[in-house]
């Protein structure tokens, strides 16, 4: 089992609700794009919706990353688990590609 499978984050009910609501909205947007493709919608209209989905995913990721830094990373540093900084840098690098 890799390290990512050993770690976990306990989230509040409010945080879970907020994150899952955002993901459900994104899921709805993706289903909408699928319907647009199936109904032969204009390419530019589909691309506009894809850009909105990308923006929504970026916003979701930014919110999750902020929560991770303020929670998991801070707690790990306080516990002298500095390897979490390498993990954080690798995570940020993936988002910057």
C-alpha atoms as a PDB file:
ATOM      1  CA  UNK A   1       0.000   0.000   0.000  1.00  0.00           C
ATOM      2  CA  UNK A   2       1.400   3.436  -0.936  1.00  0.00           C
ATOM      3  CA  UNK A   3       1.686   6.350   1.489  1.00  0.00           C
ATOM      4  CA  UNK A   4      -1.298   8.103  -0.024  1.00  0.00           C
ATOM      5  CA  UNK A   5      -3.514   5.221   0.987  1.00  0.00           C
ATOM      6  CA  UNK A   6      -2.288   5.288   4.595  1.00  0.00           C
ATOM      7  CA  UNK A   7      -3.080   8.940   5.174  1.00  0.00           C
ATOM      8  CA  UNK A   8      -6.550  10.283   5.801  1.00  0.00           C
ATOM      9  CA  UNK A   9      -8.196  13.578   6.648  1.00  0.00           C
ATOM     10  CA  UNK A  10     -11.151  13.903   8.951  1.00  0.00           C
ATOM     11  CA  UNK A  11     -13.379  16.624   7.548  1.00  0.00           C
ATOM     12  CA  UNK A  12     -16.274  18.395   9.188  1.00  0.00           C
ATOM     13  CA  UNK A  13     -19.779  17.732   7.893  1.00  0.00           C
ATOM     14  CA  UNK A  14     -19.871  21.305   6.538  1.00  0.00           C
ATOM     15  CA  UNK A  15     -16.605  20.818   4.638  1.00  0.00           C
ATOM     16  CA  UNK A  16     -17.769  17.484   3.206  1.00  0.00           C
ATOM     17  CA  UNK A  17     -21.081  19.028   2.162  1.00  0.00           C
ATOM     18  CA  UNK A  18     -19.407  22.027   0.516  1.00  0.00           C
ATOM     19  CA  UNK A  19     -16.883  19.912  -1.391  1.00  0.00           C
ATOM     20  CA  UNK A  20     -19.385  17.305  -2.540  1.00  0.00           C
ATOM     21  CA  UNK A  21     -21.875  19.999  -3.612  1.00  0.00           C
ATOM     22  CA  UNK A  22     -19.190  21.592  -5.774  1.00  0.00           C
ATOM     23  CA  UNK A  23     -18.302  18.228  -7.298  1.00  0.00           C
ATOM     24  CA  UNK A  24     -21.965  17.472  -7.993  1.00  0.00           C
ATOM     25  CA  UNK A  25     -22.327  20.810  -9.799  1.00  0.00           C
ATOM     26  CA  UNK A  26     -19.244  19.990 -11.874  1.00  0.00           C
ATOM     27  CA  UNK A  27     -20.649  16.531 -12.588  1.00  0.00           C
ATOM     28  CA  UNK A  28     -23.853  18.198 -13.806  1.00  0.00           C
ATOM     29  CA  UNK A  29     -21.834  20.489 -16.062  1.00  0.00           C
ATOM     30  CA  UNK A  30     -20.032  17.487 -17.572  1.00  0.00           C
ATOM     31  CA  UNK A  31     -23.351  15.727 -18.183  1.00  0.00           C
ATOM     32  CA  UNK A  32     -24.584  18.922 -19.832  1.00  0.00           C
ATOM     33  CA  UNK A  33     -21.604  18.954 -22.197  1.00  0.00           C
ATOM     34  CA  UNK A  34     -22.264  15.310 -23.026  1.00  0.00           C
ATOM     35  CA  UNK A  35     -25.853  16.221 -23.916  1.00  0.00           C
ATOM     36  CA  UNK A  36     -24.596  19.116 -26.016  1.00  0.00           C
ATOM     37  CA  UNK A  37     -22.331  16.762 -27.987  1.00  0.00           C
ATOM     38  CA  UNK A  38     -25.152  14.263 -28.449  1.00  0.00           C
ATOM     39  CA  UNK A  39     -27.477  17.000 -29.697  1.00  0.00           C
ATOM     40  CA  UNK A  40     -24.917  18.414 -32.160  1.00  0.00           C
ATOM     41  CA  UNK A  41     -24.473  21.736 -30.346  1.00  0.00           C
ATOM     42  CA  UNK A  42     -22.168  24.329 -31.855  1.00  0.00           C
ATOM     43  CA  UNK A  43     -18.468  23.653 -31.120  1.00  0.00           C
ATOM     44  CA  UNK A  44     -17.827  27.070 -29.595  1.00  0.00           C
ATOM     45  CA  UNK A  45     -20.738  26.614 -27.195  1.00  0.00           C
ATOM     46  CA  UNK A  46     -19.345  23.256 -26.081  1.00  0.00           C
ATOM     47  CA  UNK A  47     -15.853  24.699 -25.677  1.00  0.00           C
ATOM     48  CA  UNK A  48     -17.268  27.535 -23.580  1.00  0.00           C
ATOM     49  CA  UNK A  49     -18.849  24.996 -21.238  1.00  0.00           C
ATOM     50  CA  UNK A  50     -15.606  22.988 -21.103  1.00  0.00           C
ATOM     51  CA  UNK A  51     -13.773  26.166 -20.058  1.00  0.00           C
ATOM     52  CA  UNK A  52     -16.356  26.679 -17.299  1.00  0.00           C
ATOM     53  CA  UNK A  53     -15.803  23.102 -16.098  1.00  0.00           C
ATOM     54  CA  UNK A  54     -12.035  23.600 -16.073  1.00  0.00           C
ATOM     55  CA  UNK A  55     -12.478  26.795 -14.057  1.00  0.00           C
ATOM     56  CA  UNK A  56     -14.792  25.047 -11.591  1.00  0.00           C
ATOM     57  CA  UNK A  57     -12.285  22.205 -11.127  1.00  0.00           C
ATOM     58  CA  UNK A  58      -9.474  24.685 -10.587  1.00  0.00           C
ATOM     59  CA  UNK A  59     -11.546  26.496  -7.976  1.00  0.00           C
ATOM     60  CA  UNK A  60     -12.372  23.195  -6.255  1.00  0.00           C
ATOM     61  CA  UNK A  61      -8.696  22.196  -6.276  1.00  0.00           C
ATOM     62  CA  UNK A  62      -7.621  25.545  -4.888  1.00  0.00           C
ATOM     63  CA  UNK A  63     -10.122  25.256  -2.025  1.00  0.00           C
ATOM     64  CA  UNK A  64      -9.000  21.705  -1.239  1.00  0.00           C
ATOM     65  CA  UNK A  65      -5.319  22.663  -1.419  1.00  0.00           C
ATOM     66  CA  UNK A  66      -5.887  25.589   0.966  1.00  0.00           C
ATOM     67  CA  UNK A  67      -7.627  23.281   3.419  1.00  0.00           C
ATOM     68  CA  UNK A  68      -4.792  20.758   3.078  1.00  0.00           C
ATOM     69  CA  UNK A  69      -2.118  23.372   3.767  1.00  0.00           C
ATOM     70  CA  UNK A  70      -3.946  24.944   6.714  1.00  0.00           C
ATOM     71  CA  UNK A  71      -4.786  21.551   8.205  1.00  0.00           C
ATOM     72  CA  UNK A  72      -2.666  18.575   7.206  1.00  0.00           C
ATOM     73  CA  UNK A  73       0.557  20.392   6.342  1.00  0.00           C
ATOM     74  CA  UNK A  74       0.522  22.641   9.411  1.00  0.00           C
ATOM     75  CA  UNK A  75      -0.206  19.685  11.689  1.00  0.00           C
ATOM     76  CA  UNK A  76       2.563  17.613  10.104  1.00  0.00           C
ATOM     77  CA  UNK A  77       5.093  20.428  10.489  1.00  0.00           C
ATOM     78  CA  UNK A  78       4.095  20.896  14.123  1.00  0.00           C
ATOM     79  CA  UNK A  79       4.732  17.157  14.564  1.00  0.00           C
ATOM     80  CA  UNK A  80       8.183  17.439  12.925  1.00  0.00           C
ATOM     81  CA  UNK A  81       7.057  15.464   9.869  1.00  0.00           C
ATOM     82  CA  UNK A  82       8.845  17.713   7.410  1.00  0.00           C
ATOM     83  CA  UNK A  83       8.575  15.182   4.571  1.00  0.00           C
ATOM     84  CA  UNK A  84       5.105  16.619   4.087  1.00  0.00           C
ATOM     85  CA  UNK A  85       6.778  19.678   2.513  1.00  0.00           C
ATOM     86  CA  UNK A  86       8.214  17.506  -0.260  1.00  0.00           C
ATOM     87  CA  UNK A  87       4.770  16.025  -0.803  1.00  0.00           C
ATOM     88  CA  UNK A  88       3.244  19.511  -0.891  1.00  0.00           C
ATOM     89  CA  UNK A  89       5.789  20.739  -3.430  1.00  0.00           C
ATOM     90  CA  UNK A  90       5.141  17.695  -5.650  1.00  0.00           C
ATOM     91  CA  UNK A  91       1.407  18.337  -5.399  1.00  0.00           C
ATOM     92  CA  UNK A  92       1.797  21.999  -6.343  1.00  0.00           C
ATOM     93  CA  UNK A  93       4.071  21.033  -9.225  1.00  0.00           C
ATOM     94  CA  UNK A  94       1.359  18.721 -10.619  1.00  0.00           C
ATOM     95  CA  UNK A  95      -1.125  21.604 -10.603  1.00  0.00           C
ATOM     96  CA  UNK A  96       1.277  23.935 -12.378  1.00  0.00           C
ATOM     97  CA  UNK A  97       1.681  21.672 -15.414  1.00  0.00           C
END
